[in-house]
Amino acid sequence: MSEQLKTMSEIGLVPLVVLEDAACAKPLGEALVTGGIPVAEVTFRTDACLDIIRAMKEIPTLIVGAGTVHTREQAEAAVKAGATFIVTPAYNPAVIEWCLAHKIDIIPGTVSPAEVEAARAYGIRLCKFFPAAAYGGTATLKALAGPFADVRFLPTGGVSLENMCDYLALSNVAAIGGSFMTPDKLVQARDWDGIAAVCRDAVQRMLGFRVGHIGIHAENRTEAETITDALCHLMGTAKITTGGGFFAGSFAEICAGSVPGELGHICIDTHDMPRALAYYARRGIALNPEHTFRDEKGDVRLAYLAETAGGFSIHLRRV
C-alpha cells in the first residue's frame, strides 16, 4: 500500500461525505479533524461533489478522496479537484486502469473471491468490501483471509458504531467506512460540534481507551510490599508479585526501582495499540524510547509517554 493508504489504515475510520451544499464542506471537514478522523470520502451522489472536494482540500491535515466513482471521467474530474484517492462501489477495470496509469490510490469495490482476485492481479492490496452486511459481514471477511492473506479490506455498508469493533478486530480489515460518522440529521442541522462528538465517540470505541491502573512508586522493594499489603488489606484484593514490584489486585501497581514519574504513573489500556500509537503521533505526543517494551514479534505491548503530567508518568498498555 502507498503511504497515504497506510496512514488511512492507521486512522482506521473513513467517513462518507454526502453534501448538497458546498458551503458546508469546510466546516464539516474541520469537524472530522476535530473529532480525530482526518479523512473524508466525498461521494459522487450530489452535483456539489467536486466543489466539496475543492473546499475540503483547503484543510491541510485532511485526506480527501472521492467515492461512488463509476467512470474514468469522474475519477479524472475528482483528481483535478484535489482528490488523492478514488473509491468505486463495484469492481470497475476502467477506473482501476485510469488510476493506476496516473498513480492515484484506488480502492475498488469487491464482494466475491473472483473480484478480489481480479483486483489483486492489478497489484492492488486494499479493496473495498461493499455492501458488507449484505454479503456476510465479518464471517465473509474471515473466510477471505485464508486465500487472500495479502489483501486487506475497507468494509462499508451496514457498518455502524455498534458493530465497528467487530470489523476492526479482523487482521485483514485496514479501516472501516460509512456515513454513521457523519449522520444526515446532524449534517442537515449543520451541527458541526455534534459531528465532531460522534467522531470522537467512534475513535474512543475503536481504541478502547480506559484507565487500567494507578501506579505508586516506592523507594525500594520493602516499601513497595508494605504499601501493597496495606492496599490489599483495605480493598480485600489479592497481592500479585511481579519482577518490578507488586499489584494490589488490578487497580494499583506498586513499583520498586527506577520508573518514570516522580509521584507515580497512570496506565491507559487500549485494545488497538498500533492505531493508538498512530493517534498519539498525529497529536505530537511522543514516546519515551527507553521505556517502550515490545513482544517477541517486535510489536509494542507497553509504552511510556515522553512527558509527565503533574508528577505522574503515563503509559499505554495493550490488552
Protein backbone atom coordinates (compact mmCIF):
# COMPACT_ATOMS: atom_id res chain seq x y z
CA MET A 1 0.00 0.00 0.00
CA SER A 2 1.02 3.61 -0.54
CA GLU A 3 1.99 5.80 2.41
CA GLN A 4 -1.37 7.53 2.16
CA LEU A 5 -3.29 4.26 2.37
CA LYS A 6 -1.10 3.17 5.30
CA THR A 7 -2.00 6.42 7.05
CA MET A 8 -5.69 5.79 6.40
CA SER A 9 -5.27 2.30 7.86
CA GLU A 10 -3.66 3.81 10.96
CA ILE A 11 -6.57 6.22 11.32
CA GLY A 12 -8.89 3.23 10.89
CA LEU A 13 -12.04 5.20 10.04
CA VAL A 14 -13.15 6.68 6.70
CA PRO A 15 -16.24 8.91 6.96
CA LEU A 16 -18.56 9.05 3.97
CA VAL A 17 -19.49 12.60 2.99
CA VAL A 18 -22.76 13.33 1.17
CA LEU A 19 -23.47 17.05 0.88
CA GLU A 20 -25.82 19.11 -1.25
CA ASP A 21 -24.29 22.47 -0.30
CA ALA A 22 -20.56 23.05 -0.82
CA ALA A 23 -20.71 25.85 1.76
CA CYS A 24 -20.93 23.11 4.38
CA ALA A 25 -17.81 21.31 3.14
CA LYS A 26 -15.13 23.15 5.07
CA PRO A 27 -16.90 23.21 8.46
CA LEU A 28 -17.75 19.52 8.06
CA GLY A 29 -14.14 18.70 7.19
CA GLU A 30 -12.93 20.68 10.19
CA ALA A 31 -15.38 18.75 12.39
CA LEU A 32 -13.86 15.48 11.18
CA VAL A 33 -10.37 16.70 12.04
CA THR A 34 -11.50 17.99 15.44
CA GLY A 35 -13.14 14.64 16.12
CA GLY A 36 -9.90 12.79 15.40
CA ILE A 37 -10.75 11.39 11.95
CA PRO A 38 -8.83 13.45 9.35
CA VAL A 39 -10.21 11.59 6.32
CA ALA A 40 -13.17 12.27 4.03
CA GLU A 41 -14.56 10.15 1.20
CA VAL A 42 -16.68 12.61 -0.78
CA THR A 43 -19.28 10.76 -2.83
CA PHE A 44 -20.44 11.42 -6.37
CA ARG A 45 -24.03 11.33 -5.15
CA THR A 46 -24.65 15.08 -5.45
CA ASP A 47 -23.88 17.72 -8.04
CA ALA A 48 -21.80 19.58 -5.45
CA CYS A 49 -19.24 16.77 -5.18
CA LEU A 50 -16.35 18.48 -6.97
CA ASP A 51 -16.87 21.80 -5.18
CA ILE A 52 -16.91 19.92 -1.87
CA ILE A 53 -13.59 18.27 -2.68
CA ARG A 54 -12.07 21.65 -3.59
CA ALA A 55 -13.29 23.22 -0.34
CA MET A 56 -12.12 20.34 1.84
CA LYS A 57 -8.67 20.39 0.24
CA GLU A 58 -8.18 23.78 1.91
CA ILE A 59 -7.86 21.90 5.21
CA PRO A 60 -4.17 20.88 5.23
CA THR A 61 -4.46 17.96 7.65
CA LEU A 62 -7.47 16.34 5.95
CA ILE A 63 -7.04 13.45 3.48
CA VAL A 64 -9.70 13.93 0.81
CA GLY A 65 -10.82 11.32 -1.70
CA ALA A 66 -13.78 10.63 -3.97
CA GLY A 67 -16.23 7.77 -3.61
CA THR A 68 -19.06 6.24 -5.62
CA VAL A 69 -16.90 6.77 -8.70
CA HIS A 70 -18.39 4.99 -11.73
CA THR A 71 -16.36 6.30 -14.68
CA ARG A 72 -12.87 7.35 -15.71
CA GLU A 73 -14.27 10.83 -16.36
CA GLN A 74 -15.48 11.11 -12.77
CA ALA A 75 -12.13 9.89 -11.47
CA GLU A 76 -10.25 12.43 -13.56
CA ALA A 77 -12.55 15.28 -12.50
CA ALA A 78 -12.19 14.32 -8.84
CA VAL A 79 -8.40 14.23 -9.03
CA LYS A 80 -8.33 17.61 -10.79
CA ALA A 81 -10.48 18.96 -7.95
CA GLY A 82 -7.94 17.66 -5.41
CA ALA A 83 -8.95 14.11 -4.52
CA THR A 84 -5.95 11.92 -3.68
CA PHE A 85 -7.74 8.57 -3.60
CA ILE A 86 -10.64 7.02 -5.51
CA VAL A 87 -13.19 4.50 -4.24
CA THR A 88 -15.54 2.60 -6.56
CA PRO A 89 -18.78 0.96 -5.40
CA ALA A 90 -18.12 -2.11 -7.56
CA TYR A 91 -15.29 -3.74 -9.46
CA ASN A 92 -14.56 -1.39 -12.38
CA PRO A 93 -11.49 -2.15 -14.55
CA ALA A 94 -11.75 1.12 -16.49
CA VAL A 95 -11.47 3.25 -13.36
CA ILE A 96 -8.79 0.98 -11.90
CA GLU A 97 -6.63 1.26 -15.02
CA TRP A 98 -7.01 5.04 -15.19
CA CYS A 99 -5.98 5.44 -11.55
CA LEU A 100 -3.01 3.11 -11.85
CA ALA A 101 -1.85 4.87 -15.02
CA HIS A 102 -2.00 8.21 -13.22
CA LYS A 103 -0.53 6.90 -9.93
CA ILE A 104 -3.68 7.62 -7.94
CA ASP A 105 -4.63 5.41 -4.98
CA ILE A 106 -7.59 3.27 -5.98
CA ILE A 107 -9.79 1.23 -3.63
CA PRO A 108 -12.02 -0.89 -5.88
CA GLY A 109 -15.33 -2.30 -4.73
CA THR A 110 -15.33 -6.09 -4.34
CA VAL A 111 -17.68 -8.66 -2.82
CA SER A 112 -16.56 -12.00 -4.30
CA PRO A 113 -13.34 -14.03 -4.48
CA ALA A 114 -13.33 -13.52 -8.25
CA GLU A 115 -13.36 -9.74 -7.88
CA VAL A 116 -10.70 -9.79 -5.16
CA GLU A 117 -8.52 -11.99 -7.37
CA ALA A 118 -9.04 -9.66 -10.33
CA ALA A 119 -8.06 -6.62 -8.25
CA ARG A 120 -5.07 -8.48 -6.90
CA ALA A 121 -3.89 -9.17 -10.47
CA TYR A 122 -3.53 -5.40 -10.86
CA GLY A 123 -1.24 -5.33 -7.82
CA ILE A 124 -3.97 -3.87 -5.60
CA ARG A 125 -3.81 -4.94 -1.96
CA LEU A 126 -6.60 -2.82 -0.48
CA CYS A 127 -10.16 -3.41 -1.64
CA LYS A 128 -13.50 -2.01 -0.60
CA PHE A 129 -15.93 -4.66 0.68
CA PHE A 130 -19.42 -3.38 -0.12
CA PRO A 131 -22.18 -3.85 0.86
CA ALA A 132 -20.51 -5.57 3.79
CA ALA A 133 -23.53 -6.62 5.86
CA ALA A 134 -25.49 -7.90 2.85
CA TYR A 135 -22.57 -10.10 1.76
CA GLY A 136 -21.87 -11.81 5.06
CA GLY A 137 -20.04 -9.15 7.06
CA THR A 138 -17.24 -10.35 9.31
CA ALA A 139 -17.90 -14.02 8.50
CA THR A 140 -17.14 -13.46 4.82
CA LEU A 141 -14.09 -11.35 5.59
CA LYS A 142 -12.73 -14.11 7.83
CA ALA A 143 -13.23 -16.60 5.01
CA LEU A 144 -11.45 -14.32 2.52
CA ALA A 145 -8.43 -14.01 4.84
CA GLY A 146 -7.31 -17.55 4.03
CA PRO A 147 -6.90 -17.50 0.25
CA PHE A 148 -6.18 -13.74 0.14
CA ALA A 149 -3.77 -13.35 3.04
CA ASP A 150 -2.02 -10.39 1.38
CA VAL A 151 -5.21 -8.38 0.74
CA ARG A 152 -6.85 -6.01 3.22
CA PHE A 153 -10.32 -4.54 3.09
CA LEU A 154 -12.33 -1.38 3.69
CA PRO A 155 -15.79 -2.69 4.63
CA THR A 156 -18.74 -0.30 4.26
CA GLY A 157 -22.48 -0.78 4.11
CA GLY A 158 -24.09 -1.94 7.34
CA VAL A 159 -21.07 -0.93 9.42
CA SER A 160 -22.10 1.10 12.48
CA LEU A 161 -20.95 2.38 15.84
CA GLU A 162 -22.37 -0.79 17.36
CA ASN A 163 -20.51 -3.33 15.21
CA MET A 164 -17.45 -1.38 14.01
CA CYS A 165 -15.08 -3.03 16.51
CA ASP A 166 -16.09 -6.48 15.24
CA TYR A 167 -14.76 -5.47 11.82
CA LEU A 168 -11.67 -3.64 13.10
CA ALA A 169 -10.64 -6.67 15.14
CA LEU A 170 -10.05 -8.63 11.92
CA SER A 171 -6.44 -8.69 10.73
CA ASN A 172 -7.48 -8.19 7.10
CA VAL A 173 -9.51 -5.04 7.76
CA ALA A 174 -7.44 -1.93 7.11
CA ALA A 175 -10.19 0.52 8.04
CA ILE A 176 -13.96 0.83 8.05
CA GLY A 177 -16.09 3.35 6.21
CA GLY A 178 -19.59 4.71 6.43
CA SER A 179 -21.95 7.61 6.89
CA PHE A 180 -22.56 6.80 10.56
CA MET A 181 -19.70 9.18 11.35
CA THR A 182 -21.50 11.99 9.50
CA PRO A 183 -25.17 11.47 10.46
CA ASP A 184 -27.55 13.08 8.00
CA LYS A 185 -29.59 14.61 10.81
CA LEU A 186 -26.57 16.47 12.15
CA VAL A 187 -25.43 17.49 8.65
CA GLN A 188 -28.87 18.92 7.88
CA ALA A 189 -28.81 20.84 11.16
CA ARG A 190 -25.25 22.00 10.44
CA ASP A 191 -24.33 20.76 13.89
CA TRP A 192 -20.57 20.56 13.38
CA ASP A 193 -19.87 20.19 17.10
CA GLY A 194 -22.28 17.26 17.14
CA ILE A 195 -20.46 15.58 14.26
CA ALA A 196 -17.11 16.11 16.00
CA ALA A 197 -18.58 14.43 19.08
CA VAL A 198 -19.78 11.44 17.03
CA CYS A 199 -16.30 11.12 15.55
CA ARG A 200 -14.68 11.27 18.98
CA ASP A 201 -17.05 8.53 20.12
CA ALA A 202 -16.07 6.37 17.14
CA VAL A 203 -12.36 6.90 17.84
CA GLN A 204 -12.86 6.04 21.51
CA ARG A 205 -14.73 2.85 20.61
CA MET A 206 -12.00 1.86 18.17
CA LEU A 207 -9.12 2.46 20.60
CA GLY A 208 -10.97 1.47 23.77
CA PHE A 209 -9.00 3.86 25.96
CA ARG A 210 -9.63 3.33 29.68
CA VAL A 211 -7.64 3.66 32.89
CA GLY A 212 -6.03 0.29 33.56
CA HIS A 213 -4.49 1.03 36.94
CA ILE A 214 -2.75 3.65 39.03
CA GLY A 215 0.97 3.28 39.76
CA ILE A 216 2.65 4.09 43.07
CA HIS A 217 6.44 4.45 43.04
CA ALA A 218 8.23 3.27 46.19
CA GLU A 219 11.81 3.84 47.29
CA ASN A 220 12.61 0.14 47.40
CA ARG A 221 11.01 -3.29 47.26
CA THR A 222 10.43 -3.47 51.02
CA GLU A 223 8.46 -0.22 50.97
CA ALA A 224 6.59 -1.37 47.85
CA GLU A 225 5.49 -4.57 49.58
CA THR A 226 4.38 -2.67 52.69
CA ILE A 227 2.22 -0.34 50.57
CA THR A 228 0.83 -3.31 48.65
CA ASP A 229 -0.10 -5.20 51.82
CA ALA A 230 -1.90 -2.13 53.18
CA LEU A 231 -3.89 -1.62 49.96
CA CYS A 232 -4.78 -5.31 49.73
CA HIS A 233 -6.00 -5.23 53.33
CA LEU A 234 -8.14 -2.14 52.71
CA MET A 235 -9.59 -3.33 49.38
CA GLY A 236 -9.80 -7.05 50.07
CA THR A 237 -7.80 -7.85 46.95
CA ALA A 238 -5.02 -10.32 46.25
CA LYS A 239 -1.32 -9.37 46.21
CA ILE A 240 0.37 -10.20 42.93
CA THR A 241 4.17 -10.30 42.79
CA THR A 242 5.92 -9.11 39.62
CA GLY A 243 9.54 -8.64 38.60
CA GLY A 244 9.44 -4.89 39.25
CA GLY A 245 7.18 -4.81 42.31
CA PHE A 246 3.61 -5.76 43.13
CA PHE A 247 -0.03 -5.37 42.13
CA ALA A 248 -2.81 -4.83 44.64
CA GLY A 249 -5.48 -6.65 42.68
CA SER A 250 -5.76 -4.97 39.29
CA PHE A 251 -6.33 -1.38 40.38
CA ALA A 252 -2.84 -0.42 41.66
CA GLU A 253 0.73 -1.24 40.71
CA ILE A 254 3.37 -0.58 43.33
CA CYS A 255 6.78 -0.27 41.70
CA ALA A 256 10.23 -0.51 43.20
CA GLY A 257 13.19 0.94 41.40
CA SER A 258 13.63 3.39 38.54
CA VAL A 259 10.30 4.11 36.84
CA PRO A 260 9.37 7.33 35.02
CA GLY A 261 7.20 9.65 37.09
CA GLU A 262 8.12 11.40 40.33
CA LEU A 263 4.83 10.66 42.10
CA GLY A 264 3.62 7.61 40.21
CA HIS A 265 2.09 6.61 36.91
CA ILE A 266 -1.25 6.16 35.19
CA CYS A 267 -1.81 3.18 32.92
CA ILE A 268 -4.09 3.67 29.92
CA ASP A 269 -5.29 0.45 28.30
CA THR A 270 -6.10 0.04 24.61
CA HIS A 271 -7.16 -2.94 22.52
CA ASP A 272 -5.59 -1.45 19.38
CA MET A 273 -2.01 -0.49 20.12
CA PRO A 274 -0.87 0.31 16.52
CA ARG A 275 -3.76 2.71 15.91
CA ALA A 276 -3.40 4.17 19.42
CA LEU A 277 0.27 4.93 18.79
CA ALA A 278 -0.60 6.50 15.44
CA TYR A 279 -3.35 8.53 17.13
CA TYR A 280 -0.82 9.91 19.62
CA ALA A 281 1.74 10.57 16.90
CA ARG A 282 -0.76 12.67 14.93
CA ARG A 283 -1.16 14.81 18.04
CA GLY A 284 2.55 15.24 18.57
CA ILE A 285 2.59 13.01 21.66
CA ALA A 286 5.97 11.26 21.74
CA LEU A 287 7.02 8.03 23.42
CA ASN A 288 9.87 7.51 25.88
CA PRO A 289 12.17 5.23 23.85
CA GLU A 290 13.96 3.96 26.97
CA HIS A 291 10.68 2.72 28.40
CA THR A 292 8.97 1.24 25.35
CA PHE A 293 8.61 -2.53 25.55
CA ARG A 294 7.93 -4.99 22.74
CA ASP A 295 6.80 -8.60 22.49
CA GLU A 296 8.63 -11.44 20.78
CA LYS A 297 7.26 -10.30 17.40
CA GLY A 298 8.61 -6.80 17.89
CA ASP A 299 5.17 -5.24 18.43
CA VAL A 300 4.79 -2.62 21.14
CA ARG A 301 2.99 -4.04 24.18
CA LEU A 302 3.66 -1.20 26.65
CA ALA A 303 4.98 2.32 26.10
CA TYR A 304 5.58 5.26 28.41
CA LEU A 305 4.92 8.70 27.00
CA ALA A 306 7.82 11.15 26.88
CA GLU A 307 6.06 13.78 29.01
CA THR A 308 4.67 13.55 32.53
CA ALA A 309 1.57 15.26 33.94
CA GLY A 310 1.53 16.64 37.47
CA GLY A 311 4.39 14.40 38.53
CA PHE A 312 2.77 11.29 37.06
CA SER A 313 4.08 9.45 34.04
CA ILE A 314 1.59 7.85 31.67
CA HIS A 315 1.98 4.59 29.87
CA LEU A 316 -0.11 2.87 27.24
CA ARG A 317 -0.72 -0.85 27.62
CA ARG A 318 -2.05 -3.34 25.07
CA VAL A 319 -4.84 -5.53 26.42
